[in-house]
Amino acid sequence: MPNIKSAKKRVKITEAKTLQNKMFKSSFKTAIKKYTAAVEAGDKELAASLYKDAVKIVDKAASKGIIHANTAARKKSRFTLMLNKMGA
């Protein structure tokens, strides 16, 4: 454990930020799972609405540094392809 006051504060801040990142990652993964489940079920209307949510949360994750920008672009591209294949 740190002895210096600023180091103690950094420990508290790190714990809080770690918790926030875990919460965000959890909601991120949940949104992706819901979208893929809707696509696999073949429910186009539900998939279209969940697509918007999934893309939004992927963009937010990239902007917060949770995932890399290229990973976000790849995921969004795959989501779009999954949605477009449903319409064909």
PDB file of N, CA and C in Angstrom:
ATOM      1  N   MET A   1       0.846  -1.195   0.000  1.00  0.00           N
ATOM      2  CA  MET A   1       0.000   0.000   0.000  1.00  0.00           C
ATOM      3  C   MET A   1       0.880   1.243   0.000  1.00  0.00           C
ATOM      4  N   PRO A   2       0.440   2.262  -0.717  1.00  0.00           N
ATOM      5  CA  PRO A   2       1.230   3.493  -0.773  1.00  0.00           C
ATOM      6  C   PRO A   2       1.171   4.273   0.535  1.00  0.00           C
ATOM      7  N   ASN A   3       2.221   5.028   0.774  1.00  0.00           N
ATOM      8  CA  ASN A   3       2.304   5.853   1.971  1.00  0.00           C
ATOM      9  C   ASN A   3       2.036   7.324   1.668  1.00  0.00           C
ATOM     10  N   ILE A   4       2.317   7.730   0.448  1.00  0.00           N
ATOM     11  CA  ILE A   4       2.177   9.133   0.062  1.00  0.00           C
ATOM     12  C   ILE A   4       0.712   9.419  -0.290  1.00  0.00           C
ATOM     13  N   LYS A   5       0.257  10.597   0.092  1.00  0.00           N
ATOM     14  CA  LYS A   5      -1.150  10.961  -0.076  1.00  0.00           C
ATOM     15  C   LYS A   5      -1.593  10.905  -1.543  1.00  0.00           C
ATOM     16  N   SER A   6      -0.776  11.432  -2.436  1.00  0.00           N
ATOM     17  CA  SER A   6      -1.154  11.435  -3.860  1.00  0.00           C
ATOM     18  C   SER A   6      -1.207  10.021  -4.422  1.00  0.00           C
ATOM     19  N   ALA A   7      -0.323   9.150  -3.945  1.00  0.00           N
ATOM     20  CA  ALA A   7      -0.324   7.759  -4.397  1.00  0.00           C
ATOM     21  C   ALA A   7      -1.572   7.031  -3.908  1.00  0.00           C
ATOM     22  N   LYS A   8      -1.988   7.352  -2.671  1.00  0.00           N
ATOM     23  CA  LYS A   8      -3.224   6.764  -2.137  1.00  0.00           C
ATOM     24  C   LYS A   8      -4.420   7.188  -2.990  1.00  0.00           C
ATOM     25  N   LYS A   9      -4.424   8.461  -3.377  1.00  0.00           N
ATOM     26  CA  LYS A   9      -5.516   8.981  -4.208  1.00  0.00           C
ATOM     27  C   LYS A   9      -5.529   8.279  -5.570  1.00  0.00           C
ATOM     28  N   ARG A  10      -4.354   8.065  -6.140  1.00  0.00           N
ATOM     29  CA  ARG A  10      -4.272   7.398  -7.444  1.00  0.00           C
ATOM     30  C   ARG A  10      -4.823   5.977  -7.358  1.00  0.00           C
ATOM     31  N   VAL A  11      -4.585   5.299  -6.249  1.00  0.00           N
ATOM     32  CA  VAL A  11      -5.115   3.941  -6.068  1.00  0.00           C
ATOM     33  C   VAL A  11      -6.638   3.970  -6.098  1.00  0.00           C
ATOM     34  N   LYS A  12      -7.226   4.936  -5.382  1.00  0.00           N
ATOM     35  CA  LYS A  12      -8.688   5.061  -5.365  1.00  0.00           C
ATOM     36  C   LYS A  12      -9.230   5.372  -6.751  1.00  0.00           C
ATOM     37  N   ILE A  13      -8.573   6.287  -7.462  1.00  0.00           N
ATOM     38  CA  ILE A  13      -9.029   6.674  -8.798  1.00  0.00           C
ATOM     39  C   ILE A  13      -8.922   5.495  -9.761  1.00  0.00           C
ATOM     40  N   THR A  14      -7.819   4.746  -9.655  1.00  0.00           N
ATOM     41  CA  THR A  14      -7.630   3.584 -10.519  1.00  0.00           C
ATOM     42  C   THR A  14      -8.720   2.543 -10.288  1.00  0.00           C
ATOM     43  N   GLU A  15      -9.067   2.309  -9.027  1.00  0.00           N
ATOM     44  CA  GLU A  15     -10.135   1.350  -8.728  1.00  0.00           C
ATOM     45  C   GLU A  15     -11.462   1.809  -9.312  1.00  0.00           C
ATOM     46  N   ALA A  16     -11.751   3.100  -9.204  1.00  0.00           N
ATOM     47  CA  ALA A  16     -13.011   3.627  -9.731  1.00  0.00           C
ATOM     48  C   ALA A  16     -13.048   3.522 -11.246  1.00  0.00           C
ATOM     49  N   LYS A  17     -11.957   3.872 -11.898  1.00  0.00           N
ATOM     50  CA  LYS A  17     -11.901   3.803 -13.363  1.00  0.00           C
ATOM     51  C   LYS A  17     -11.976   2.361 -13.854  1.00  0.00           C
ATOM     52  N   THR A  18     -11.348   1.444 -13.118  1.00  0.00           N
ATOM     53  CA  THR A  18     -11.403   0.031 -13.480  1.00  0.00           C
ATOM     54  C   THR A  18     -12.836  -0.472 -13.420  1.00  0.00           C
ATOM     55  N   LEU A  19     -13.563  -0.074 -12.401  1.00  0.00           N
ATOM     56  CA  LEU A  19     -14.964  -0.465 -12.269  1.00  0.00           C
ATOM     57  C   LEU A  19     -15.799   0.102 -13.414  1.00  0.00           C
ATOM     58  N   GLN A  20     -15.563   1.366 -13.766  1.00  0.00           N
ATOM     59  CA  GLN A  20     -16.296   1.981 -14.871  1.00  0.00           C
ATOM     60  C   GLN A  20     -16.009   1.252 -16.180  1.00  0.00           C
ATOM     61  N   ASN A  21     -14.731   0.901 -16.407  1.00  0.00           N
ATOM     62  CA  ASN A  21     -14.372   0.190 -17.629  1.00  0.00           C
ATOM     63  C   ASN A  21     -15.026  -1.182 -17.673  1.00  0.00           C
ATOM     64  N   LYS A  22     -15.080  -1.879 -16.538  1.00  0.00           N
ATOM     65  CA  LYS A  22     -15.725  -3.195 -16.491  1.00  0.00           C
ATOM     66  C   LYS A  22     -17.211  -3.079 -16.818  1.00  0.00           C
ATOM     67  N   MET A  23     -17.853  -2.059 -16.252  1.00  0.00           N
ATOM     68  CA  MET A  23     -19.277  -1.857 -16.510  1.00  0.00           C
ATOM     69  C   MET A  23     -19.514  -1.569 -17.991  1.00  0.00           C
ATOM     70  N   PHE A  24     -18.672  -0.738 -18.575  1.00  0.00           N
ATOM     71  CA  PHE A  24     -18.841  -0.391 -19.981  1.00  0.00           C
ATOM     72  C   PHE A  24     -18.586  -1.588 -20.881  1.00  0.00           C
ATOM     73  N   LYS A  25     -17.527  -2.352 -20.574  1.00  0.00           N
ATOM     74  CA  LYS A  25     -17.232  -3.544 -21.376  1.00  0.00           C
ATOM     75  C   LYS A  25     -18.368  -4.547 -21.315  1.00  0.00           C
ATOM     76  N   SER A  26     -18.982  -4.669 -20.140  1.00  0.00           N
ATOM     77  CA  SER A  26     -20.092  -5.593 -19.976  1.00  0.00           C
ATOM     78  C   SER A  26     -21.280  -5.183 -20.848  1.00  0.00           C
ATOM     79  N   SER A  27     -21.631  -3.900 -20.824  1.00  0.00           N
ATOM     80  CA  SER A  27     -22.742  -3.427 -21.658  1.00  0.00           C
ATOM     81  C   SER A  27     -22.387  -3.525 -23.139  1.00  0.00           C
ATOM     82  N   PHE A  28     -21.125  -3.330 -23.470  1.00  0.00           N
ATOM     83  CA  PHE A  28     -20.627  -3.447 -24.843  1.00  0.00           C
ATOM     84  C   PHE A  28     -20.833  -4.873 -25.357  1.00  0.00           C
ATOM     85  N   LYS A  29     -20.406  -5.843 -24.558  1.00  0.00           N
ATOM     86  CA  LYS A  29     -20.549  -7.248 -24.951  1.00  0.00           C
ATOM     87  C   LYS A  29     -22.015  -7.659 -25.020  1.00  0.00           C
ATOM     88  N   THR A  30     -22.827  -7.155 -24.105  1.00  0.00           N
ATOM     89  CA  THR A  30     -24.255  -7.482 -24.098  1.00  0.00           C
ATOM     90  C   THR A  30     -24.929  -6.966 -25.353  1.00  0.00           C
ATOM     91  N   ALA A  31     -24.619  -5.747 -25.761  1.00  0.00           N
ATOM     92  CA  ALA A  31     -25.219  -5.171 -26.967  1.00  0.00           C
ATOM     93  C   ALA A  31     -24.855  -5.996 -28.191  1.00  0.00           C
ATOM     94  N   ILE A  32     -23.607  -6.440 -28.262  1.00  0.00           N
ATOM     95  CA  ILE A  32     -23.168  -7.252 -29.404  1.00  0.00           C
ATOM     96  C   ILE A  32     -23.887  -8.599 -29.409  1.00  0.00           C
ATOM     97  N   LYS A  33     -24.013  -9.220 -28.232  1.00  0.00           N
ATOM     98  CA  LYS A  33     -24.681 -10.518 -28.145  1.00  0.00           C
ATOM     99  C   LYS A  33     -26.157 -10.411 -28.531  1.00  0.00           C
ATOM    100  N   LYS A  34     -26.825  -9.342 -28.086  1.00  0.00           N
ATOM    101  CA  LYS A  34     -28.236  -9.150 -28.432  1.00  0.00           C
ATOM    102  C   LYS A  34     -28.398  -8.991 -29.940  1.00  0.00           C
ATOM    103  N   TYR A  35     -27.500  -8.222 -30.552  1.00  0.00           N
ATOM    104  CA  TYR A  35     -27.587  -7.994 -31.995  1.00  0.00           C
ATOM    105  C   TYR A  35     -27.362  -9.290 -32.770  1.00  0.00           C
ATOM    106  N   THR A  36     -26.315 -10.031 -32.417  1.00  0.00           N
ATOM    107  CA  THR A  36     -26.050 -11.279 -33.142  1.00  0.00           C
ATOM    108  C   THR A  36     -27.170 -12.295 -32.936  1.00  0.00           C
ATOM    109  N   ALA A  37     -27.766 -12.311 -31.753  1.00  0.00           N
ATOM    110  CA  ALA A  37     -28.887 -13.225 -31.504  1.00  0.00           C
ATOM    111  C   ALA A  37     -30.079 -12.862 -32.374  1.00  0.00           C
ATOM    112  N   ALA A  38     -30.345 -11.562 -32.529  1.00  0.00           N
ATOM    113  CA  ALA A  38     -31.463 -11.125 -33.369  1.00  0.00           C
ATOM    114  C   ALA A  38     -31.215 -11.474 -34.830  1.00  0.00           C
ATOM    115  N   VAL A  39     -29.975 -11.349 -35.276  1.00  0.00           N
ATOM    116  CA  VAL A  39     -29.640 -11.680 -36.659  1.00  0.00           C
ATOM    117  C   VAL A  39     -29.797 -13.185 -36.885  1.00  0.00           C
ATOM    118  N   GLU A  40     -29.309 -13.981 -35.949  1.00  0.00           N
ATOM    119  CA  GLU A  40     -29.409 -15.431 -36.085  1.00  0.00           C
ATOM    120  C   GLU A  40     -30.862 -15.904 -36.020  1.00  0.00           C
ATOM    121  N   ALA A  41     -31.690 -15.186 -35.256  1.00  0.00           N
ATOM    122  CA  ALA A  41     -33.104 -15.546 -35.165  1.00  0.00           C
ATOM    123  C   ALA A  41     -33.858 -15.149 -36.430  1.00  0.00           C
ATOM    124  N   GLY A  42     -33.296 -14.227 -37.208  1.00  0.00           N
ATOM    125  CA  GLY A  42     -33.923 -13.799 -38.454  1.00  0.00           C
ATOM    126  C   GLY A  42     -34.935 -12.686 -38.273  1.00  0.00           C
ATOM    127  N   ASP A  43     -34.954 -12.043 -37.141  1.00  0.00           N
ATOM    128  CA  ASP A  43     -35.884 -10.942 -36.869  1.00  0.00           C
ATOM    129  C   ASP A  43     -35.282  -9.645 -37.401  1.00  0.00           C
ATOM    130  N   LYS A  44     -35.689  -9.266 -38.622  1.00  0.00           N
ATOM    131  CA  LYS A  44     -35.056  -8.123 -39.283  1.00  0.00           C
ATOM    132  C   LYS A  44     -35.354  -6.796 -38.584  1.00  0.00           C
ATOM    133  N   GLU A  45     -36.571  -6.598 -38.121  1.00  0.00           N
ATOM    134  CA  GLU A  45     -36.916  -5.331 -37.469  1.00  0.00           C
ATOM    135  C   GLU A  45     -36.138  -5.145 -36.170  1.00  0.00           C
ATOM    136  N   LEU A  46     -36.083  -6.198 -35.371  1.00  0.00           N
ATOM    137  CA  LEU A  46     -35.344  -6.128 -34.122  1.00  0.00           C
ATOM    138  C   LEU A  46     -33.849  -5.946 -34.385  1.00  0.00           C
ATOM    139  N   ALA A  47     -33.342  -6.657 -35.385  1.00  0.00           N
ATOM    140  CA  ALA A  47     -31.921  -6.552 -35.728  1.00  0.00           C
ATOM    141  C   ALA A  47     -31.585  -5.133 -36.189  1.00  0.00           C
ATOM    142  N   ALA A  48     -32.475  -4.513 -36.943  1.00  0.00           N
ATOM    143  CA  ALA A  48     -32.226  -3.151 -37.434  1.00  0.00           C
ATOM    144  C   ALA A  48     -32.156  -2.160 -36.281  1.00  0.00           C
ATOM    145  N   SER A  49     -33.029  -2.318 -35.298  1.00  0.00           N
ATOM    146  CA  SER A  49     -32.997  -1.398 -34.158  1.00  0.00           C
ATOM    147  C   SER A  49     -31.778  -1.670 -33.269  1.00  0.00           C
ATOM    148  N   LEU A  50     -31.450  -2.939 -33.091  1.00  0.00           N
ATOM    149  CA  LEU A  50     -30.276  -3.279 -32.276  1.00  0.00           C
ATOM    150  C   LEU A  50     -28.976  -2.932 -32.994  1.00  0.00           C
ATOM    151  N   TYR A  51     -29.015  -2.895 -34.320  1.00  0.00           N
ATOM    152  CA  TYR A  51     -27.837  -2.503 -35.102  1.00  0.00           C
ATOM    153  C   TYR A  51     -27.410  -1.081 -34.739  1.00  0.00           C
ATOM    154  N   LYS A  52     -28.388  -0.189 -34.653  1.00  0.00           N
ATOM    155  CA  LYS A  52     -28.078   1.203 -34.300  1.00  0.00           C
ATOM    156  C   LYS A  52     -27.437   1.288 -32.921  1.00  0.00           C
ATOM    157  N   ASP A  53     -27.993   0.545 -31.964  1.00  0.00           N
ATOM    158  CA  ASP A  53     -27.440   0.545 -30.610  1.00  0.00           C
ATOM    159  C   ASP A  53     -26.022  -0.033 -30.589  1.00  0.00           C
ATOM    160  N   ALA A  54     -25.828  -1.133 -31.330  1.00  0.00           N
ATOM    161  CA  ALA A  54     -24.522  -1.795 -31.338  1.00  0.00           C
ATOM    162  C   ALA A  54     -23.454  -0.886 -31.941  1.00  0.00           C
ATOM    163  N   VAL A  55     -23.786  -0.233 -33.049  1.00  0.00           N
ATOM    164  CA  VAL A  55     -22.825   0.664 -33.696  1.00  0.00           C
ATOM    165  C   VAL A  55     -22.507   1.848 -32.780  1.00  0.00           C
ATOM    166  N   LYS A  56     -23.534   2.371 -32.125  1.00  0.00           N
ATOM    167  CA  LYS A  56     -23.335   3.505 -31.218  1.00  0.00           C
ATOM    168  C   LYS A  56     -22.393   3.132 -30.075  1.00  0.00           C
ATOM    169  N   ILE A  57     -22.616   1.966 -29.479  1.00  0.00           N
ATOM    170  CA  ILE A  57     -21.791   1.569 -28.341  1.00  0.00           C
ATOM    171  C   ILE A  57     -20.375   1.198 -28.779  1.00  0.00           C
ATOM    172  N   VAL A  58     -20.222   0.674 -29.989  1.00  0.00           N
ATOM    173  CA  VAL A  58     -18.882   0.381 -30.512  1.00  0.00           C
ATOM    174  C   VAL A  58     -18.112   1.687 -30.727  1.00  0.00           C
ATOM    175  N   ASP A  59     -18.776   2.682 -31.289  1.00  0.00           N
ATOM    176  CA  ASP A  59     -18.134   3.985 -31.476  1.00  0.00           C
ATOM    177  C   ASP A  59     -17.728   4.597 -30.145  1.00  0.00           C
ATOM    178  N   LYS A  60     -18.607   4.483 -29.161  1.00  0.00           N
ATOM    179  CA  LYS A  60     -18.314   5.037 -27.838  1.00  0.00           C
ATOM    180  C   LYS A  60     -17.122   4.311 -27.206  1.00  0.00           C
ATOM    181  N   ALA A  61     -17.056   2.992 -27.379  1.00  0.00           N
ATOM    182  CA  ALA A  61     -15.944   2.221 -26.834  1.00  0.00           C
ATOM    183  C   ALA A  61     -14.626   2.634 -27.487  1.00  0.00           C
ATOM    184  N   ALA A  62     -14.676   2.892 -28.778  1.00  0.00           N
ATOM    185  CA  ALA A  62     -13.464   3.317 -29.480  1.00  0.00           C
ATOM    186  C   ALA A  62     -13.025   4.701 -29.016  1.00  0.00           C
ATOM    187  N   SER A  63     -13.985   5.594 -28.807  1.00  0.00           N
ATOM    188  CA  SER A  63     -13.628   6.944 -28.390  1.00  0.00           C
ATOM    189  C   SER A  63     -13.082   6.974 -26.962  1.00  0.00           C
ATOM    190  N   LYS A  64     -13.543   6.039 -26.125  1.00  0.00           N
ATOM    191  CA  LYS A  64     -13.061   5.972 -24.743  1.00  0.00           C
ATOM    192  C   LYS A  64     -11.756   5.199 -24.623  1.00  0.00           C
ATOM    193  N   GLY A  65     -11.332   4.544 -25.708  1.00  0.00           N
ATOM    194  CA  GLY A  65     -10.087   3.781 -25.671  1.00  0.00           C
ATOM    195  C   GLY A  65     -10.260   2.373 -25.141  1.00  0.00           C
ATOM    196  N   ILE A  66     -11.503   1.914 -25.019  1.00  0.00           N
ATOM    197  CA  ILE A  66     -11.754   0.553 -24.541  1.00  0.00           C
ATOM    198  C   ILE A  66     -11.320  -0.450 -25.620  1.00  0.00           C
ATOM    199  N   ILE A  67     -11.638  -0.120 -26.876  1.00  0.00           N
ATOM    200  CA  ILE A  67     -11.180  -0.936 -28.005  1.00  0.00           C
ATOM    201  C   ILE A  67     -10.466  -0.026 -28.997  1.00  0.00           C
ATOM    202  N   HIS A  68      -9.654  -0.609 -29.851  1.00  0.00           N
ATOM    203  CA  HIS A  68      -8.901   0.140 -30.850  1.00  0.00           C
ATOM    204  C   HIS A  68      -9.846   0.611 -31.952  1.00  0.00           C
ATOM    205  N   ALA A  69      -9.484   1.717 -32.586  1.00  0.00           N
ATOM    206  CA  ALA A  69     -10.330   2.293 -33.645  1.00  0.00           C
ATOM    207  C   ALA A  69     -10.515   1.322 -34.804  1.00  0.00           C
ATOM    208  N   ASN A  70      -9.469   0.594 -35.153  1.00  0.00           N
ATOM    209  CA  ASN A  70      -9.580  -0.363 -36.252  1.00  0.00           C
ATOM    210  C   ASN A  70     -10.477  -1.535 -35.879  1.00  0.00           C
ATOM    211  N   THR A  71     -10.448  -1.941 -34.636  1.00  0.00           N
ATOM    212  CA  THR A  71     -11.329  -3.010 -34.156  1.00  0.00           C
ATOM    213  C   THR A  71     -12.779  -2.559 -34.240  1.00  0.00           C
ATOM    214  N   ALA A  72     -13.017  -1.308 -33.884  1.00  0.00           N
ATOM    215  CA  ALA A  72     -14.374  -0.762 -33.963  1.00  0.00           C
ATOM    216  C   ALA A  72     -14.854  -0.743 -35.407  1.00  0.00           C
ATOM    217  N   ALA A  73     -14.000  -0.312 -36.307  1.00  0.00           N
ATOM    218  CA  ALA A  73     -14.371  -0.262 -37.725  1.00  0.00           C
ATOM    219  C   ALA A  73     -14.668  -1.658 -38.255  1.00  0.00           C
ATOM    220  N   ARG A  74     -13.856  -2.631 -37.862  1.00  0.00           N
ATOM    221  CA  ARG A  74     -14.066  -4.018 -38.307  1.00  0.00           C
ATOM    222  C   ARG A  74     -15.387  -4.565 -37.787  1.00  0.00           C
ATOM    223  N   LYS A  75     -15.682  -4.311 -36.512  1.00  0.00           N
ATOM    224  CA  LYS A  75     -16.934  -4.788 -35.927  1.00  0.00           C
ATOM    225  C   LYS A  75     -18.140  -4.159 -36.627  1.00  0.00           C
ATOM    226  N   LYS A  76     -18.086  -2.848 -36.852  1.00  0.00           N
ATOM    227  CA  LYS A  76     -19.204  -2.163 -37.503  1.00  0.00           C
ATOM    228  C   LYS A  76     -19.401  -2.688 -38.921  1.00  0.00           C
ATOM    229  N   SER A  77     -18.303  -2.955 -39.603  1.00  0.00           N
ATOM    230  CA  SER A  77     -18.393  -3.500 -40.957  1.00  0.00           C
ATOM    231  C   SER A  77     -19.057  -4.876 -40.951  1.00  0.00           C
ATOM    232  N   ARG A  78     -18.676  -5.693 -39.998  1.00  0.00           N
ATOM    233  CA  ARG A  78     -19.266  -7.037 -39.904  1.00  0.00           C
ATOM    234  C   ARG A  78     -20.742  -6.969 -39.525  1.00  0.00           C
ATOM    235  N   PHE A  79     -21.088  -6.029 -38.641  1.00  0.00           N
ATOM    236  CA  PHE A  79     -22.494  -5.852 -38.281  1.00  0.00           C
ATOM    237  C   PHE A  79     -23.317  -5.471 -39.505  1.00  0.00           C
ATOM    238  N   THR A  80     -22.770  -4.561 -40.303  1.00  0.00           N
ATOM    239  CA  THR A  80     -23.479  -4.102 -41.510  1.00  0.00           C
ATOM    240  C   THR A  80     -23.658  -5.253 -42.488  1.00  0.00           C
ATOM    241  N   LEU A  81     -22.605  -6.056 -42.679  1.00  0.00           N
ATOM    242  CA  LEU A  81     -22.719  -7.195 -43.576  1.00  0.00           C
ATOM    243  C   LEU A  81     -23.768  -8.192 -43.095  1.00  0.00           C
ATOM    244  N   MET A  82     -23.805  -8.428 -41.786  1.00  0.00           N
ATOM    245  CA  MET A  82     -24.798  -9.355 -41.233  1.00  0.00           C
ATOM    246  C   MET A  82     -26.217  -8.841 -41.498  1.00  0.00           C
ATOM    247  N   LEU A  83     -26.407  -7.542 -41.330  1.00  0.00           N
ATOM    248  CA  LEU A  83     -27.731  -6.950 -41.536  1.00  0.00           C
ATOM    249  C   LEU A  83     -28.119  -6.999 -43.007  1.00  0.00           C
ATOM    250  N   ASN A  84     -27.170  -6.697 -43.887  1.00  0.00           N
ATOM    251  CA  ASN A  84     -27.452  -6.684 -45.323  1.00  0.00           C
ATOM    252  C   ASN A  84     -27.744  -8.076 -45.857  1.00  0.00           C
ATOM    253  N   LYS A  85     -27.101  -9.106 -45.304  1.00  0.00           N
ATOM    254  CA  LYS A  85     -27.352 -10.477 -45.742  1.00  0.00           C
ATOM    255  C   LYS A  85     -28.761 -10.921 -45.376  1.00  0.00           C
ATOM    256  N   MET A  86     -29.314 -10.352 -44.306  1.00  0.00           N
ATOM    257  CA  MET A  86     -30.678 -10.697 -43.905  1.00  0.00           C
ATOM    258  C   MET A  86     -31.695 -10.227 -44.942  1.00  0.00           C
ATOM    259  N   GLY A  87     -31.433  -9.076 -45.564  1.00  0.00           N
ATOM    260  CA  GLY A  87     -32.373  -8.504 -46.528  1.00  0.00           C
ATOM    261  C   GLY A  87     -32.329  -9.209 -47.867  1.00  0.00           C
ATOM    262  N   ALA A  88     -31.206  -9.869 -48.166  1.00  0.00           N
ATOM    263  CA  ALA A  88     -31.028 -10.513 -49.479  1.00  0.00           C
ATOM    264  C   ALA A  88     -31.775 -11.806 -49.590  1.00  0.00           C
TER     265      ALA A  88
END
